[in-house]
Amino acid sequence: MTIRDIMKYIESEYGIINQTPCEVCGGEYFAEDLEIVLIDEIPFDVCECTCSNCGHERSFMFTAPFIELKNHKNILRKLN
C-alpha cells in the first residue's frame, strides 16, 4: 500500500465516524485518540471518540490492512 492509499483509507474511517450520530443525543463524535492494536494477530485502528454535544464516549474499530504483519511489532512500537 502506498502512503496515498493509507491516507485514503484513514480518511474513509473519519468519514464513517463523522456520519455516525451519537446514540445518546444525536450529536457528532470527534476523535480524541487513535492507536493500532493487534487482536488475534490482526491489526486494527481503534479510534476513541467523544460526542461534542453530551460527552458520550465511543470506540470505533477498523481493520488496518496497511500494517504488514511481518514488521508489526516494530510498526506498533513506532505508532503507539
N, C-alpha and C. Protein backbone atom coordinates (compact mmCIF):
# COMPACT_ATOMS: atom_id res chain seq x y z
N MET A 1 0.84 -1.18 0.00
CA MET A 1 0.00 0.00 0.00
C MET A 1 0.89 1.24 0.00
N THR A 2 0.55 2.20 -0.83
CA THR A 2 1.30 3.45 -0.85
C THR A 2 0.79 4.37 0.25
N ILE A 3 1.55 5.41 0.54
CA ILE A 3 1.13 6.36 1.58
C ILE A 3 -0.19 7.02 1.20
N ARG A 4 -0.39 7.25 -0.08
CA ARG A 4 -1.66 7.83 -0.56
C ARG A 4 -2.83 6.89 -0.27
N ASP A 5 -2.63 5.59 -0.50
CA ASP A 5 -3.67 4.60 -0.20
C ASP A 5 -3.99 4.57 1.29
N ILE A 6 -2.94 4.64 2.10
CA ILE A 6 -3.13 4.64 3.56
C ILE A 6 -3.93 5.86 3.99
N MET A 7 -3.60 7.02 3.44
CA MET A 7 -4.31 8.25 3.81
C MET A 7 -5.77 8.19 3.38
N LYS A 8 -6.04 7.64 2.19
CA LYS A 8 -7.43 7.48 1.74
C LYS A 8 -8.19 6.54 2.68
N TYR A 9 -7.53 5.49 3.10
CA TYR A 9 -8.16 4.53 4.00
C TYR A 9 -8.51 5.21 5.32
N ILE A 10 -7.57 5.94 5.89
CA ILE A 10 -7.81 6.63 7.16
C ILE A 10 -8.87 7.71 7.00
N GLU A 11 -8.86 8.43 5.88
CA GLU A 11 -9.92 9.43 5.61
C GLU A 11 -11.29 8.77 5.61
N SER A 12 -11.39 7.58 5.04
CA SER A 12 -12.68 6.89 5.00
C SER A 12 -13.13 6.51 6.41
N GLU A 13 -12.18 6.17 7.29
CA GLU A 13 -12.54 5.89 8.68
C GLU A 13 -13.15 7.12 9.34
N TYR A 14 -12.51 8.27 9.15
CA TYR A 14 -13.04 9.51 9.73
C TYR A 14 -14.38 9.88 9.11
N GLY A 15 -14.57 9.54 7.83
CA GLY A 15 -15.86 9.78 7.19
C GLY A 15 -16.97 8.99 7.88
N ILE A 16 -16.67 7.74 8.22
CA ILE A 16 -17.65 6.91 8.92
C ILE A 16 -17.94 7.49 10.30
N ILE A 17 -16.90 7.89 11.01
CA ILE A 17 -17.09 8.48 12.35
C ILE A 17 -17.95 9.74 12.24
N ASN A 18 -17.65 10.60 11.27
CA ASN A 18 -18.40 11.85 11.11
C ASN A 18 -19.86 11.64 10.73
N GLN A 19 -20.16 10.52 10.08
CA GLN A 19 -21.53 10.24 9.66
C GLN A 19 -22.32 9.45 10.70
N THR A 20 -21.66 9.07 11.79
CA THR A 20 -22.32 8.28 12.82
C THR A 20 -22.78 9.21 13.94
N PRO A 21 -24.09 9.34 14.14
CA PRO A 21 -24.57 10.20 15.22
C PRO A 21 -24.41 9.51 16.58
N CYS A 22 -24.27 10.30 17.61
CA CYS A 22 -24.21 9.79 18.98
C CYS A 22 -25.50 9.04 19.28
N GLU A 23 -25.38 7.86 19.84
CA GLU A 23 -26.58 7.08 20.15
C GLU A 23 -27.33 7.62 21.36
N VAL A 24 -26.74 8.54 22.10
CA VAL A 24 -27.40 9.13 23.27
C VAL A 24 -28.19 10.38 22.87
N CYS A 25 -27.55 11.32 22.15
CA CYS A 25 -28.20 12.61 21.88
C CYS A 25 -28.27 12.98 20.40
N GLY A 26 -27.62 12.19 19.53
CA GLY A 26 -27.63 12.50 18.10
C GLY A 26 -26.55 13.47 17.67
N GLY A 27 -25.69 13.89 18.61
CA GLY A 27 -24.61 14.83 18.30
C GLY A 27 -23.52 14.19 17.45
N GLU A 28 -22.47 14.95 17.19
CA GLU A 28 -21.35 14.49 16.36
C GLU A 28 -20.19 14.06 17.24
N TYR A 29 -19.53 12.98 16.81
CA TYR A 29 -18.34 12.50 17.51
C TYR A 29 -17.10 13.23 16.99
N PHE A 30 -16.13 13.42 17.88
CA PHE A 30 -14.82 13.88 17.44
C PHE A 30 -13.79 12.91 18.00
N ALA A 31 -12.74 12.69 17.22
CA ALA A 31 -11.70 11.73 17.59
C ALA A 31 -10.77 12.34 18.62
N GLU A 32 -10.51 11.57 19.67
CA GLU A 32 -9.58 12.01 20.71
C GLU A 32 -8.27 11.27 20.64
N ASP A 33 -8.30 9.99 20.26
CA ASP A 33 -7.09 9.18 20.27
C ASP A 33 -7.22 8.10 19.22
N LEU A 34 -6.12 7.81 18.56
CA LEU A 34 -6.09 6.76 17.54
C LEU A 34 -4.88 5.89 17.83
N GLU A 35 -5.10 4.58 17.89
CA GLU A 35 -3.98 3.68 18.10
C GLU A 35 -4.17 2.40 17.30
N ILE A 36 -3.07 1.72 17.06
CA ILE A 36 -3.08 0.44 16.37
C ILE A 36 -2.97 -0.65 17.43
N VAL A 37 -3.87 -1.63 17.36
CA VAL A 37 -3.83 -2.76 18.29
C VAL A 37 -3.91 -4.05 17.49
N LEU A 38 -3.38 -5.13 18.07
CA LEU A 38 -3.48 -6.45 17.47
C LEU A 38 -4.52 -7.25 18.22
N ILE A 39 -5.46 -7.82 17.49
CA ILE A 39 -6.46 -8.71 18.06
C ILE A 39 -6.38 -10.00 17.28
N ASP A 40 -5.99 -11.07 17.96
CA ASP A 40 -5.77 -12.36 17.30
C ASP A 40 -4.82 -12.22 16.12
N GLU A 41 -3.75 -11.44 16.33
CA GLU A 41 -2.70 -11.21 15.32
C GLU A 41 -3.19 -10.44 14.09
N ILE A 42 -4.34 -9.78 14.20
CA ILE A 42 -4.86 -8.95 13.11
C ILE A 42 -4.78 -7.50 13.57
N PRO A 43 -4.14 -6.63 12.77
CA PRO A 43 -4.01 -5.22 13.18
C PRO A 43 -5.32 -4.44 12.95
N PHE A 44 -5.65 -3.61 13.94
CA PHE A 44 -6.83 -2.77 13.87
C PHE A 44 -6.47 -1.34 14.26
N ASP A 45 -7.14 -0.38 13.61
CA ASP A 45 -7.12 1.01 14.03
C ASP A 45 -8.26 1.15 15.04
N VAL A 46 -7.97 1.63 16.22
CA VAL A 46 -9.01 1.88 17.21
C VAL A 46 -9.02 3.37 17.49
N CYS A 47 -10.17 3.99 17.25
CA CYS A 47 -10.31 5.42 17.41
C CYS A 47 -11.27 5.69 18.57
N GLU A 48 -10.74 6.32 19.61
CA GLU A 48 -11.55 6.70 20.77
C GLU A 48 -12.17 8.05 20.47
N CYS A 49 -13.50 8.13 20.56
CA CYS A 49 -14.22 9.34 20.20
C CYS A 49 -15.13 9.79 21.35
N THR A 50 -15.46 11.08 21.32
CA THR A 50 -16.35 11.67 22.31
C THR A 50 -17.38 12.53 21.57
N CYS A 51 -18.63 12.47 22.02
CA CYS A 51 -19.67 13.31 21.44
C CYS A 51 -19.41 14.76 21.82
N SER A 52 -19.44 15.63 20.84
CA SER A 52 -19.19 17.06 21.10
C SER A 52 -20.37 17.72 21.82
N ASN A 53 -21.52 17.04 21.85
CA ASN A 53 -22.70 17.61 22.48
C ASN A 53 -22.87 17.16 23.93
N CYS A 54 -22.86 15.84 24.17
CA CYS A 54 -23.16 15.32 25.51
C CYS A 54 -21.97 14.68 26.22
N GLY A 55 -20.87 14.46 25.49
CA GLY A 55 -19.68 13.87 26.10
C GLY A 55 -19.66 12.35 26.12
N HIS A 56 -20.67 11.70 25.52
CA HIS A 56 -20.69 10.23 25.46
C HIS A 56 -19.45 9.73 24.72
N GLU A 57 -18.81 8.70 25.26
CA GLU A 57 -17.60 8.14 24.64
C GLU A 57 -17.93 6.87 23.88
N ARG A 58 -17.22 6.69 22.76
CA ARG A 58 -17.41 5.51 21.93
C ARG A 58 -16.11 5.18 21.22
N SER A 59 -15.86 3.89 21.06
CA SER A 59 -14.69 3.42 20.31
C SER A 59 -15.14 2.93 18.94
N PHE A 60 -14.41 3.31 17.93
CA PHE A 60 -14.62 2.80 16.58
C PHE A 60 -13.41 1.94 16.24
N MET A 61 -13.66 0.75 15.67
CA MET A 61 -12.58 -0.15 15.33
C MET A 61 -12.64 -0.48 13.84
N PHE A 62 -11.50 -0.35 13.18
CA PHE A 62 -11.39 -0.63 11.75
C PHE A 62 -10.18 -1.52 11.53
N THR A 63 -10.28 -2.44 10.57
CA THR A 63 -9.09 -3.23 10.23
C THR A 63 -8.03 -2.29 9.68
N ALA A 64 -6.78 -2.67 9.84
CA ALA A 64 -5.65 -1.84 9.39
C ALA A 64 -4.81 -2.63 8.39
N PRO A 65 -5.28 -2.74 7.15
CA PRO A 65 -4.55 -3.56 6.16
C PRO A 65 -3.21 -2.97 5.76
N PHE A 66 -2.95 -1.73 6.13
CA PHE A 66 -1.69 -1.09 5.77
C PHE A 66 -0.55 -1.49 6.70
N ILE A 67 -0.84 -2.26 7.75
CA ILE A 67 0.20 -2.76 8.65
C ILE A 67 0.63 -4.13 8.16
N GLU A 68 1.91 -4.27 7.81
CA GLU A 68 2.44 -5.55 7.37
C GLU A 68 2.76 -6.39 8.60
N LEU A 69 2.21 -7.58 8.66
CA LEU A 69 2.36 -8.41 9.85
C LEU A 69 3.80 -8.82 10.13
N LYS A 70 4.62 -8.94 9.10
CA LYS A 70 6.00 -9.38 9.35
C LYS A 70 6.78 -8.33 10.14
N ASN A 71 6.38 -7.07 10.05
CA ASN A 71 7.06 -6.00 10.79
C ASN A 71 6.15 -5.34 11.82
N HIS A 72 5.06 -6.00 12.20
CA HIS A 72 4.06 -5.33 13.01
C HIS A 72 4.56 -4.89 14.38
N LYS A 73 5.45 -5.62 15.00
CA LYS A 73 5.93 -5.22 16.33
C LYS A 73 6.70 -3.90 16.25
N ASN A 74 7.55 -3.77 15.25
CA ASN A 74 8.32 -2.52 15.08
C ASN A 74 7.39 -1.36 14.75
N ILE A 75 6.43 -1.59 13.89
CA ILE A 75 5.49 -0.55 13.48
C ILE A 75 4.63 -0.12 14.67
N LEU A 76 4.12 -1.10 15.43
CA LEU A 76 3.29 -0.78 16.58
C LEU A 76 4.06 0.05 17.61
N ARG A 77 5.33 -0.29 17.81
CA ARG A 77 6.15 0.46 18.75
C ARG A 77 6.28 1.92 18.30
N LYS A 78 6.45 2.14 17.01
CA LYS A 78 6.61 3.49 16.47
C LYS A 78 5.30 4.28 16.51
N LEU A 79 4.17 3.61 16.21
CA LEU A 79 2.90 4.30 16.14
C LEU A 79 2.30 4.57 17.51
N ASN A 80 2.54 3.72 18.46
CA ASN A 80 1.95 3.90 19.79
C ASN A 80 2.98 4.53 20.65
